[in-house]
Amino acid sequence: MELFLSTDLNSQFLTLLAHYTRLVTTGRVKLVVLSNQAQKLNEEGIIKLPSIPSLVTEDAQLLTNVFSIAQYLTNISFTEKILIGTDNQILGQVLQVFEAQRKIQGEELIEAFLKHLESRVFFVTNHVTLADLFLYIHTYDIVSTWNDEQKVGKYVHFFRWFKQVQALPQIAEINRTLGRVDVKPASPFVDLSTTSKQKKQK
């Protein structure tokens, strides 16, 4: 089956998921990244894909909703119970991230979950779920620009969670495959008391 992608964040998330569930390495899913020219042809209606990303399933259905595609991929890779959960409460928390991202992006998305991640290793349970993979991809570009003060200051819990996801052996391996550079930890020599005093003096 073919998964049609662009370079947007939802496509990056589905690329990560298709690798994470081993559907790419086993040959069950073929990733088709549309060039800018192909995307233009699609927008003009010459190529007819209702939206990108899109998945053409094994039984010739066309899925265009990001969560529906993700759910389908976890189902056929037998990882649904782990990545989405086994009850409505876990499913609801996973969906919360997808719903939030439809309304807010970037820094606002991080702010929305700062409190939630204060006392958690992963977003929902004690292991990685779709919520973690989705949020990781959608915040990567911002977190990668943070300075040491942000990493150990206001965003310390979010950054701890981010590092935890990034450090998972499978994620680290996929990042290398996709050419994604790991975000470095804060320097152990950051003195928050000095930086906060300097701010007060200004």
N, C-alpha and C. Protein backbone atom coordinates (compact mmCIF):
# COMPACT_ATOMS: atom_id res chain seq x y z
N MET A 1 0.85 -1.19 0.00
CA MET A 1 0.00 0.00 0.00
C MET A 1 0.88 1.24 0.00
N GLU A 2 0.33 2.35 -0.50
CA GLU A 2 1.12 3.58 -0.63
C GLU A 2 0.63 4.64 0.35
N LEU A 3 1.60 5.29 0.98
CA LEU A 3 1.32 6.43 1.84
C LEU A 3 1.88 7.66 1.15
N PHE A 4 0.98 8.54 0.69
CA PHE A 4 1.39 9.74 -0.05
C PHE A 4 1.64 10.87 0.93
N LEU A 5 2.83 11.47 0.84
CA LEU A 5 3.28 12.44 1.83
C LEU A 5 3.83 13.70 1.18
N SER A 6 3.92 14.76 1.99
CA SER A 6 4.65 15.95 1.59
C SER A 6 5.76 16.12 2.62
N THR A 7 6.20 17.34 2.84
CA THR A 7 7.23 17.55 3.87
C THR A 7 6.63 18.20 5.12
N ASP A 8 5.30 18.30 5.20
CA ASP A 8 4.68 18.95 6.36
C ASP A 8 4.82 18.09 7.61
N LEU A 9 4.46 18.63 8.76
CA LEU A 9 4.67 17.94 10.04
C LEU A 9 3.82 16.68 10.18
N ASN A 10 2.59 16.70 9.68
CA ASN A 10 1.76 15.49 9.74
C ASN A 10 2.39 14.37 8.91
N SER A 11 2.94 14.73 7.76
CA SER A 11 3.63 13.74 6.92
C SER A 11 4.88 13.20 7.63
N GLN A 12 5.60 14.10 8.31
CA GLN A 12 6.79 13.67 9.06
C GLN A 12 6.42 12.71 10.18
N PHE A 13 5.29 13.00 10.86
CA PHE A 13 4.82 12.11 11.92
C PHE A 13 4.48 10.72 11.36
N LEU A 14 3.77 10.68 10.24
CA LEU A 14 3.38 9.39 9.65
C LEU A 14 4.58 8.63 9.10
N THR A 15 5.58 9.37 8.62
CA THR A 15 6.84 8.74 8.19
C THR A 15 7.51 8.07 9.37
N LEU A 16 7.60 8.80 10.48
CA LEU A 16 8.19 8.25 11.71
C LEU A 16 7.42 7.01 12.16
N LEU A 17 6.08 7.10 12.15
CA LEU A 17 5.24 5.99 12.60
C LEU A 17 5.39 4.76 11.70
N ALA A 18 5.42 4.98 10.39
CA ALA A 18 5.56 3.86 9.45
C ALA A 18 6.89 3.13 9.66
N HIS A 19 7.94 3.90 10.00
CA HIS A 19 9.24 3.27 10.33
C HIS A 19 9.17 2.61 11.71
N TYR A 20 8.55 3.30 12.67
CA TYR A 20 8.49 2.81 14.05
C TYR A 20 7.77 1.45 14.14
N THR A 21 6.73 1.29 13.33
CA THR A 21 5.94 0.05 13.33
C THR A 21 6.52 -1.00 12.39
N ARG A 22 7.67 -0.72 11.82
CA ARG A 22 8.40 -1.62 10.92
C ARG A 22 7.65 -1.93 9.62
N LEU A 23 6.66 -1.11 9.29
CA LEU A 23 5.88 -1.35 8.08
C LEU A 23 6.67 -1.01 6.82
N VAL A 24 7.65 -0.10 6.95
CA VAL A 24 8.49 0.25 5.80
C VAL A 24 9.51 -0.85 5.56
N THR A 25 10.19 -1.29 6.63
CA THR A 25 11.24 -2.29 6.48
C THR A 25 10.68 -3.65 6.05
N THR A 26 9.43 -3.94 6.42
CA THR A 26 8.83 -5.22 6.00
C THR A 26 8.18 -5.11 4.63
N GLY A 27 8.18 -3.91 4.05
CA GLY A 27 7.65 -3.72 2.71
C GLY A 27 6.13 -3.62 2.61
N ARG A 28 5.45 -3.50 3.75
CA ARG A 28 3.98 -3.41 3.72
C ARG A 28 3.50 -2.04 3.30
N VAL A 29 4.30 -1.01 3.62
CA VAL A 29 3.93 0.36 3.26
C VAL A 29 5.06 0.98 2.44
N LYS A 30 4.66 1.58 1.33
CA LYS A 30 5.62 2.31 0.50
C LYS A 30 5.37 3.80 0.71
N LEU A 31 6.41 4.52 1.09
CA LEU A 31 6.29 5.96 1.31
C LEU A 31 6.53 6.69 -0.01
N VAL A 32 5.57 7.50 -0.41
CA VAL A 32 5.68 8.27 -1.66
C VAL A 32 5.64 9.75 -1.30
N VAL A 33 6.81 10.39 -1.29
CA VAL A 33 6.88 11.81 -0.97
C VAL A 33 6.72 12.60 -2.26
N LEU A 34 5.64 13.38 -2.34
CA LEU A 34 5.37 14.15 -3.55
C LEU A 34 6.34 15.32 -3.67
N SER A 35 6.87 15.50 -4.84
CA SER A 35 7.73 16.65 -5.10
C SER A 35 6.86 17.91 -5.11
N ASN A 36 7.51 19.07 -5.08
CA ASN A 36 6.76 20.34 -5.14
C ASN A 36 5.92 20.41 -6.41
N GLN A 37 6.48 19.89 -7.51
CA GLN A 37 5.77 19.91 -8.78
C GLN A 37 4.52 19.02 -8.72
N ALA A 38 4.67 17.83 -8.13
CA ALA A 38 3.54 16.90 -8.01
C ALA A 38 2.46 17.49 -7.10
N GLN A 39 2.89 18.17 -6.02
CA GLN A 39 1.92 18.81 -5.13
C GLN A 39 1.15 19.90 -5.86
N LYS A 40 1.84 20.63 -6.73
CA LYS A 40 1.19 21.68 -7.51
C LYS A 40 0.15 21.07 -8.45
N LEU A 41 0.51 19.96 -9.10
CA LEU A 41 -0.41 19.26 -10.00
C LEU A 41 -1.63 18.74 -9.23
N ASN A 42 -1.39 18.31 -7.99
CA ASN A 42 -2.49 17.84 -7.15
C ASN A 42 -3.43 18.99 -6.81
N GLU A 43 -2.84 20.15 -6.47
CA GLU A 43 -3.65 21.34 -6.14
C GLU A 43 -4.47 21.80 -7.36
N GLU A 44 -3.90 21.61 -8.54
CA GLU A 44 -4.60 22.01 -9.77
C GLU A 44 -5.62 20.96 -10.23
N GLY A 45 -5.65 19.82 -9.53
CA GLY A 45 -6.62 18.77 -9.86
C GLY A 45 -6.19 17.82 -10.96
N ILE A 46 -4.94 17.94 -11.42
CA ILE A 46 -4.44 17.04 -12.47
C ILE A 46 -4.15 15.66 -11.85
N ILE A 47 -3.50 15.67 -10.68
CA ILE A 47 -3.40 14.45 -9.87
C ILE A 47 -4.53 14.55 -8.86
N LYS A 48 -5.27 13.47 -8.64
CA LYS A 48 -6.46 13.60 -7.79
C LYS A 48 -6.30 12.87 -6.45
N LEU A 49 -5.64 13.55 -5.52
CA LEU A 49 -5.59 13.09 -4.13
C LEU A 49 -6.32 14.16 -3.32
N PRO A 50 -7.34 13.78 -2.54
CA PRO A 50 -8.12 14.80 -1.83
C PRO A 50 -7.30 15.65 -0.87
N SER A 51 -6.30 15.05 -0.25
CA SER A 51 -5.41 15.81 0.63
C SER A 51 -4.13 15.00 0.86
N ILE A 52 -3.13 15.70 1.33
CA ILE A 52 -1.85 15.06 1.66
C ILE A 52 -1.62 15.31 3.14
N PRO A 53 -1.32 14.31 3.95
CA PRO A 53 -1.06 12.91 3.57
C PRO A 53 -2.34 12.12 3.26
N SER A 54 -2.17 11.07 2.45
CA SER A 54 -3.24 10.13 2.12
C SER A 54 -2.67 8.72 2.11
N LEU A 55 -3.48 7.76 2.55
CA LEU A 55 -3.06 6.35 2.53
C LEU A 55 -4.03 5.55 1.68
N VAL A 56 -3.48 4.83 0.70
CA VAL A 56 -4.29 3.87 -0.07
C VAL A 56 -4.09 2.53 0.63
N THR A 57 -5.16 2.00 1.24
CA THR A 57 -5.06 0.79 2.06
C THR A 57 -5.01 -0.47 1.19
N GLU A 58 -4.79 -1.60 1.86
CA GLU A 58 -4.69 -2.89 1.15
C GLU A 58 -6.00 -3.26 0.47
N ASP A 59 -7.13 -2.79 1.02
CA ASP A 59 -8.43 -3.08 0.39
C ASP A 59 -8.94 -1.89 -0.42
N ALA A 60 -8.00 -1.08 -0.92
CA ALA A 60 -8.27 0.03 -1.85
C ALA A 60 -9.16 1.14 -1.29
N GLN A 61 -9.11 1.34 0.02
CA GLN A 61 -9.77 2.52 0.61
C GLN A 61 -8.76 3.66 0.61
N LEU A 62 -9.28 4.88 0.67
CA LEU A 62 -8.40 6.06 0.75
C LEU A 62 -8.65 6.75 2.08
N LEU A 63 -7.62 6.80 2.93
CA LEU A 63 -7.72 7.48 4.22
C LEU A 63 -6.96 8.79 4.15
N THR A 64 -7.58 9.88 4.64
CA THR A 64 -6.92 11.19 4.58
C THR A 64 -6.77 11.86 5.94
N ASN A 65 -7.49 11.39 6.95
CA ASN A 65 -7.37 11.96 8.30
C ASN A 65 -6.12 11.40 8.96
N VAL A 66 -5.31 12.27 9.54
CA VAL A 66 -4.02 11.86 10.12
C VAL A 66 -4.19 10.78 11.18
N PHE A 67 -5.16 10.97 12.09
CA PHE A 67 -5.34 9.97 13.14
C PHE A 67 -5.85 8.66 12.56
N SER A 68 -6.75 8.72 11.59
CA SER A 68 -7.28 7.50 10.96
C SER A 68 -6.17 6.71 10.28
N ILE A 69 -5.26 7.44 9.61
CA ILE A 69 -4.12 6.76 8.97
C ILE A 69 -3.24 6.11 10.03
N ALA A 70 -2.96 6.87 11.10
CA ALA A 70 -2.11 6.35 12.19
C ALA A 70 -2.75 5.13 12.82
N GLN A 71 -4.05 5.18 13.06
CA GLN A 71 -4.77 4.05 13.65
C GLN A 71 -4.70 2.82 12.75
N TYR A 72 -4.85 3.04 11.46
CA TYR A 72 -4.78 1.93 10.49
C TYR A 72 -3.39 1.28 10.52
N LEU A 73 -2.35 2.13 10.54
CA LEU A 73 -0.98 1.61 10.55
C LEU A 73 -0.68 0.81 11.82
N THR A 74 -1.19 1.29 12.95
CA THR A 74 -0.97 0.54 14.20
C THR A 74 -1.76 -0.77 14.19
N ASN A 75 -2.93 -0.74 13.57
CA ASN A 75 -3.77 -1.94 13.52
C ASN A 75 -3.10 -3.04 12.70
N ILE A 76 -2.59 -2.70 11.52
CA ILE A 76 -2.01 -3.75 10.66
C ILE A 76 -0.62 -4.18 11.12
N SER A 77 -0.01 -3.37 12.01
CA SER A 77 1.31 -3.75 12.55
C SER A 77 1.19 -4.38 13.94
N PHE A 78 -0.06 -4.57 14.39
CA PHE A 78 -0.35 -5.18 15.71
C PHE A 78 0.28 -4.39 16.86
N THR A 79 0.34 -3.06 16.71
CA THR A 79 0.87 -2.21 17.78
C THR A 79 -0.21 -1.30 18.36
N GLU A 80 -1.47 -1.50 17.95
CA GLU A 80 -2.56 -0.61 18.36
C GLU A 80 -2.74 -0.59 19.88
N LYS A 81 -2.68 -1.76 20.51
CA LYS A 81 -2.88 -1.82 21.97
C LYS A 81 -1.81 -1.04 22.72
N ILE A 82 -0.61 -1.02 22.17
CA ILE A 82 0.49 -0.29 22.82
C ILE A 82 0.42 1.20 22.48
N LEU A 83 0.28 1.52 21.21
CA LEU A 83 0.40 2.91 20.77
C LEU A 83 -0.89 3.73 20.91
N ILE A 84 -2.03 3.06 20.97
CA ILE A 84 -3.29 3.80 21.15
C ILE A 84 -3.96 3.43 22.46
N GLY A 85 -3.75 2.22 22.94
CA GLY A 85 -4.32 1.83 24.23
C GLY A 85 -5.48 0.86 24.09
N THR A 86 -5.95 0.41 25.22
CA THR A 86 -6.99 -0.61 25.24
C THR A 86 -8.30 -0.12 25.83
N ASP A 87 -8.34 1.13 26.27
CA ASP A 87 -9.61 1.66 26.81
C ASP A 87 -9.85 3.09 26.34
N ASN A 88 -11.07 3.55 26.53
CA ASN A 88 -11.47 4.87 26.03
C ASN A 88 -10.75 6.03 26.71
N GLN A 89 -10.35 5.81 27.97
CA GLN A 89 -9.65 6.87 28.70
C GLN A 89 -8.29 7.16 28.07
N ILE A 90 -7.55 6.10 27.75
CA ILE A 90 -6.24 6.27 27.11
C ILE A 90 -6.42 6.85 25.71
N LEU A 91 -7.39 6.30 24.97
CA LEU A 91 -7.68 6.80 23.62
C LEU A 91 -8.01 8.29 23.66
N GLY A 92 -8.80 8.70 24.66
CA GLY A 92 -9.18 10.11 24.81
C GLY A 92 -7.98 11.01 25.02
N GLN A 93 -7.03 10.55 25.83
CA GLN A 93 -5.83 11.35 26.10
C GLN A 93 -4.92 11.43 24.87
N VAL A 94 -4.86 10.33 24.11
CA VAL A 94 -4.08 10.34 22.87
C VAL A 94 -4.70 11.33 21.88
N LEU A 95 -6.02 11.25 21.74
CA LEU A 95 -6.73 12.14 20.81
C LEU A 95 -6.62 13.61 21.20
N GLN A 96 -6.46 13.86 22.51
CA GLN A 96 -6.34 15.22 23.02
C GLN A 96 -5.20 15.98 22.33
N VAL A 97 -4.10 15.29 22.08
CA VAL A 97 -2.93 15.92 21.44
C VAL A 97 -3.25 16.25 19.98
N PHE A 98 -3.89 15.31 19.30
CA PHE A 98 -4.24 15.52 17.89
C PHE A 98 -5.24 16.68 17.76
N GLU A 99 -6.22 16.73 18.67
CA GLU A 99 -7.23 17.79 18.66
C GLU A 99 -6.60 19.16 18.95
N ALA A 100 -5.70 19.18 19.94
CA ALA A 100 -5.04 20.44 20.31
C ALA A 100 -4.24 20.99 19.14
N GLN A 101 -3.55 20.10 18.41
CA GLN A 101 -2.70 20.54 17.31
C GLN A 101 -3.52 21.13 16.16
N ARG A 102 -4.76 20.71 16.03
CA ARG A 102 -5.62 21.28 14.97
C ARG A 102 -5.94 22.75 15.25
N LYS A 103 -5.91 23.12 16.55
CA LYS A 103 -6.27 24.50 16.93
C LYS A 103 -5.05 25.38 17.19
N ILE A 104 -4.00 24.78 17.73
CA ILE A 104 -2.81 25.56 18.09
C ILE A 104 -1.54 24.85 17.63
N GLN A 105 -0.53 25.63 17.28
CA GLN A 105 0.74 25.06 16.83
C GLN A 105 1.90 25.74 17.55
N GLY A 106 3.06 25.14 17.32
CA GLY A 106 4.30 25.76 17.79
C GLY A 106 4.39 25.92 19.30
N GLU A 107 4.84 27.11 19.69
CA GLU A 107 5.05 27.43 21.11
C GLU A 107 3.77 27.25 21.92
N GLU A 108 2.63 27.61 21.33
CA GLU A 108 1.34 27.46 22.03
C GLU A 108 1.04 26.01 22.36
N LEU A 109 1.41 25.11 21.45
CA LEU A 109 1.19 23.68 21.68
C LEU A 109 2.03 23.19 22.86
N ILE A 110 3.25 23.70 22.94
CA ILE A 110 4.13 23.35 24.07
C ILE A 110 3.55 23.89 25.37
N GLU A 111 3.14 25.15 25.35
CA GLU A 111 2.56 25.78 26.55
C GLU A 111 1.33 25.00 27.05
N ALA A 112 0.54 24.49 26.11
CA ALA A 112 -0.70 23.77 26.47
C ALA A 112 -0.42 22.52 27.29
N PHE A 113 0.76 21.91 27.10
CA PHE A 113 1.03 20.64 27.77
C PHE A 113 2.16 20.71 28.81
N LEU A 114 2.61 21.93 29.13
CA LEU A 114 3.69 22.08 30.13
C LEU A 114 3.31 21.44 31.46
N LYS A 115 2.15 21.82 31.97
CA LYS A 115 1.69 21.33 33.27
C LYS A 115 1.49 19.82 33.24
N HIS A 116 0.89 19.34 32.13
CA HIS A 116 0.58 17.91 31.99
C HIS A 116 1.84 17.05 32.10
N LEU A 117 2.95 17.54 31.56
CA LEU A 117 4.16 16.73 31.51
C LEU A 117 5.08 16.91 32.72
N GLU A 118 4.64 17.71 33.69
CA GLU A 118 5.46 17.95 34.89
C GLU A 118 5.82 16.67 35.63
N SER A 119 4.84 15.77 35.74
CA SER A 119 5.07 14.57 36.56
C SER A 119 4.95 13.27 35.75
N ARG A 120 5.16 13.38 34.45
CA ARG A 120 5.01 12.19 33.60
C ARG A 120 6.28 11.90 32.82
N VAL A 121 6.54 10.61 32.63
CA VAL A 121 7.67 10.20 31.79
C VAL A 121 7.22 10.26 30.33
N PHE A 122 6.03 9.68 30.06
CA PHE A 122 5.43 9.76 28.73
C PHE A 122 4.06 10.42 28.85
N PHE A 123 3.46 10.78 27.72
CA PHE A 123 2.26 11.62 27.75
C PHE A 123 1.06 10.96 28.42
N VAL A 124 0.81 9.68 28.15
CA VAL A 124 -0.40 9.04 28.67
C VAL A 124 -0.08 7.95 29.68
N THR A 125 0.68 6.96 29.26
CA THR A 125 0.95 5.80 30.12
C THR A 125 2.42 5.79 30.50
N ASN A 126 2.91 4.61 30.90
CA ASN A 126 4.33 4.50 31.27
C ASN A 126 5.19 4.06 30.08
N HIS A 127 4.62 4.15 28.88
CA HIS A 127 5.38 3.84 27.67
C HIS A 127 4.93 4.77 26.55
N VAL A 128 5.67 4.77 25.46
CA VAL A 128 5.38 5.66 24.35
C VAL A 128 4.05 5.31 23.68
N THR A 129 3.29 6.33 23.28
CA THR A 129 2.04 6.15 22.53
C THR A 129 2.08 7.10 21.32
N LEU A 130 1.02 7.06 20.53
CA LEU A 130 0.92 7.98 19.39
C LEU A 130 1.01 9.43 19.84
N ALA A 131 0.49 9.72 21.04
CA ALA A 131 0.53 11.09 21.56
C ALA A 131 1.96 11.59 21.65
N ASP A 132 2.87 10.74 22.14
CA ASP A 132 4.28 11.12 22.28
C ASP A 132 4.93 11.34 20.92
N LEU A 133 4.70 10.41 19.99
CA LEU A 133 5.32 10.50 18.67
C LEU A 133 4.81 11.74 17.92
N PHE A 134 3.51 11.99 18.03
CA PHE A 134 2.89 13.14 17.34
C PHE A 134 3.41 14.46 17.91
N LEU A 135 3.42 14.57 19.24
CA LEU A 135 3.87 15.80 19.89
C LEU A 135 5.37 16.02 19.67
N TYR A 136 6.13 14.95 19.68
CA TYR A 136 7.58 15.03 19.44
C TYR A 136 7.85 15.66 18.07
N ILE A 137 7.20 15.16 17.03
CA ILE A 137 7.40 15.69 15.68
C ILE A 137 6.92 17.13 15.57
N HIS A 138 5.78 17.43 16.18
CA HIS A 138 5.18 18.77 16.03
C HIS A 138 5.88 19.84 16.87
N THR A 139 6.78 19.43 17.78
CA THR A 139 7.50 20.42 18.58
C THR A 139 9.01 20.40 18.32
N TYR A 140 9.46 19.45 17.52
CA TYR A 140 10.90 19.28 17.28
C TYR A 140 11.57 20.57 16.79
N ASP A 141 10.97 21.22 15.79
CA ASP A 141 11.60 22.42 15.20
C ASP A 141 11.77 23.55 16.21
N ILE A 142 10.87 23.64 17.19
CA ILE A 142 10.97 24.69 18.21
C ILE A 142 11.98 24.30 19.28
N VAL A 143 11.85 23.06 19.78
CA VAL A 143 12.75 22.60 20.85
C VAL A 143 14.21 22.65 20.38
N SER A 144 14.43 22.36 19.10
CA SER A 144 15.81 22.36 18.58
C SER A 144 16.44 23.75 18.56
N THR A 145 15.63 24.81 18.75
CA THR A 145 16.18 26.18 18.79
C THR A 145 16.39 26.68 20.22
N TRP A 146 15.95 25.91 21.21
CA TRP A 146 16.05 26.37 22.60
C TRP A 146 17.50 26.50 23.06
N ASN A 147 17.73 27.54 23.89
CA ASN A 147 19.05 27.67 24.51
C ASN A 147 19.05 26.91 25.84
N ASP A 148 20.20 26.86 26.47
CA ASP A 148 20.33 26.08 27.72
C ASP A 148 19.39 26.57 28.81
N GLU A 149 19.20 27.88 28.87
CA GLU A 149 18.34 28.45 29.91
C GLU A 149 16.89 27.96 29.76
N GLN A 150 16.42 27.88 28.52
CA GLN A 150 15.06 27.39 28.29
C GLN A 150 14.95 25.91 28.63
N LYS A 151 16.00 25.15 28.32
CA LYS A 151 15.98 23.70 28.56
C LYS A 151 15.95 23.34 30.04
N VAL A 152 16.60 24.18 30.87
CA VAL A 152 16.64 23.85 32.30
C VAL A 152 15.75 24.79 33.14
N GLY A 153 15.17 25.77 32.48
CA GLY A 153 14.31 26.73 33.18
C GLY A 153 12.85 26.43 33.00
N LYS A 154 12.14 27.34 32.34
CA LYS A 154 10.68 27.24 32.17
C LYS A 154 10.24 25.92 31.54
N TYR A 155 11.03 25.41 30.59
CA TYR A 155 10.61 24.22 29.83
C TYR A 155 11.29 22.94 30.30
N VAL A 156 11.79 22.95 31.52
CA VAL A 156 12.59 21.81 32.00
C VAL A 156 11.84 20.48 31.91
N HIS A 157 10.56 20.45 32.29
CA HIS A 157 9.81 19.18 32.28
C HIS A 157 9.46 18.76 30.86
N PHE A 158 9.13 19.74 30.03
CA PHE A 158 8.83 19.43 28.63
C PHE A 158 10.10 18.89 27.96
N PHE A 159 11.23 19.52 28.25
CA PHE A 159 12.49 19.08 27.62
C PHE A 159 12.90 17.70 28.12
N ARG A 160 12.64 17.42 29.40
CA ARG A 160 12.93 16.09 29.94
C ARG A 160 12.12 15.03 29.19
N TRP A 161 10.82 15.33 28.98
CA TRP A 161 9.96 14.41 28.22
C TRP A 161 10.48 14.25 26.79
N PHE A 162 10.82 15.37 26.15
CA PHE A 162 11.30 15.37 24.77
C PHE A 162 12.55 14.49 24.64
N LYS A 163 13.49 14.67 25.58
CA LYS A 163 14.73 13.87 25.56
C LYS A 163 14.44 12.39 25.73
N GLN A 164 13.44 12.09 26.60
CA GLN A 164 13.06 10.70 26.85
C GLN A 164 12.57 10.02 25.56
N VAL A 165 11.73 10.73 24.80
CA VAL A 165 11.22 10.19 23.53
C VAL A 165 12.37 10.06 22.53
N GLN A 166 13.17 11.11 22.42
CA GLN A 166 14.28 11.12 21.48
C GLN A 166 15.29 10.01 21.75
N ALA A 167 15.46 9.65 23.02
CA ALA A 167 16.47 8.66 23.42
C ALA A 167 16.02 7.22 23.23
N LEU A 168 14.73 7.00 22.95
CA LEU A 168 14.28 5.62 22.73
C LEU A 168 15.08 5.03 21.57
N PRO A 169 15.64 3.82 21.75
CA PRO A 169 16.54 3.26 20.73
C PRO A 169 15.95 3.28 19.32
N GLN A 170 14.68 2.93 19.20
CA GLN A 170 14.05 2.88 17.88
C GLN A 170 13.92 4.29 17.26
N ILE A 171 13.58 5.28 18.11
CA ILE A 171 13.46 6.67 17.62
C ILE A 171 14.82 7.19 17.18
N ALA A 172 15.84 6.91 17.99
CA ALA A 172 17.20 7.35 17.66
C ALA A 172 17.64 6.75 16.32
N GLU A 173 17.30 5.48 16.11
CA GLU A 173 17.67 4.78 14.87
C GLU A 173 16.93 5.40 13.67
N ILE A 174 15.63 5.68 13.84
CA ILE A 174 14.83 6.29 12.77
C ILE A 174 15.34 7.69 12.46
N ASN A 175 15.65 8.46 13.51
CA ASN A 175 16.18 9.82 13.31
C ASN A 175 17.44 9.80 12.45
N ARG A 176 18.31 8.81 12.73
CA ARG A 176 19.54 8.68 11.92
C ARG A 176 19.19 8.36 10.47
N THR A 177 18.23 7.44 10.28
CA THR A 177 17.79 7.05 8.93
C THR A 177 17.23 8.24 8.17
N LEU A 178 16.46 9.08 8.86
CA LEU A 178 15.81 10.23 8.22
C LEU A 178 16.70 11.47 8.20
N GLY A 179 17.89 11.36 8.77
CA GLY A 179 18.81 12.49 8.77
C GLY A 179 18.43 13.59 9.76
N ARG A 180 17.64 13.23 10.77
CA ARG A 180 17.23 14.21 11.78
C ARG A 180 18.30 14.28 12.87
N VAL A 181 18.73 15.47 13.19
CA VAL A 181 19.80 15.66 14.20
C VAL A 181 19.18 15.67 15.59
N ASP A 182 19.77 14.92 16.52
CA ASP A 182 19.27 14.92 17.90
C ASP A 182 19.47 16.28 18.55
N VAL A 183 18.47 16.70 19.33
CA VAL A 183 18.59 17.95 20.08
C VAL A 183 19.50 17.69 21.28
N LYS A 184 20.51 18.51 21.43
CA LYS A 184 21.50 18.29 22.49
C LYS A 184 20.95 18.69 23.86
N PRO A 185 21.38 17.97 24.92
CA PRO A 185 20.96 18.37 26.27
C PRO A 185 21.59 19.70 26.66
N ALA A 186 21.08 20.30 27.71
CA ALA A 186 21.65 21.57 28.20
C ALA A 186 23.04 21.32 28.77
N SER A 187 23.86 22.34 28.73
CA SER A 187 25.19 22.24 29.32
C SER A 187 25.05 22.04 30.83
N PRO A 188 25.87 21.16 31.41
CA PRO A 188 25.78 20.95 32.86
C PRO A 188 26.25 22.16 33.68
N PHE A 189 26.81 23.17 33.00
CA PHE A 189 27.36 24.33 33.70
C PHE A 189 26.42 25.54 33.70
N VAL A 190 25.16 25.34 33.30
CA VAL A 190 24.22 26.47 33.28
C VAL A 190 23.88 26.85 34.71
N ASP A 191 24.02 28.13 35.03
CA ASP A 191 23.67 28.63 36.36
C ASP A 191 22.42 29.49 36.24
N LEU A 192 21.29 28.89 36.59
CA LEU A 192 20.01 29.59 36.44
C LEU A 192 19.91 30.80 37.36
N SER A 193 20.52 30.73 38.53
CA SER A 193 20.42 31.85 39.48
C SER A 193 21.08 33.10 38.90
N THR A 194 22.19 32.92 38.18
CA THR A 194 22.88 34.06 37.56
C THR A 194 22.04 34.67 36.45
N THR A 195 21.46 33.81 35.59
CA THR A 195 20.68 34.34 34.46
C THR A 195 19.42 35.03 34.92
N SER A 196 18.79 34.53 36.00
CA SER A 196 17.58 35.17 36.49
C SER A 196 17.90 36.51 37.16
N LYS A 197 19.07 36.59 37.81
CA LYS A 197 19.50 37.87 38.43
C LYS A 197 19.76 38.91 37.35
N GLN A 198 20.41 38.48 36.25
CA GLN A 198 20.69 39.39 35.15
C GLN A 198 19.39 39.95 34.55
N LYS A 199 18.40 39.11 34.45
CA LYS A 199 17.10 39.56 33.91
C LYS A 199 16.47 40.62 34.79
N LYS A 200 16.55 40.40 36.12
CA LYS A 200 15.95 41.33 37.07
C LYS A 200 16.65 42.70 37.01
N GLN A 201 17.98 42.66 36.79
CA GLN A 201 18.75 43.91 36.74
C GLN A 201 18.40 44.76 35.50
N LYS A 202 17.97 44.08 34.40
CA LYS A 202 17.63 44.80 33.16
C LYS A 202 16.39 45.55 33.29
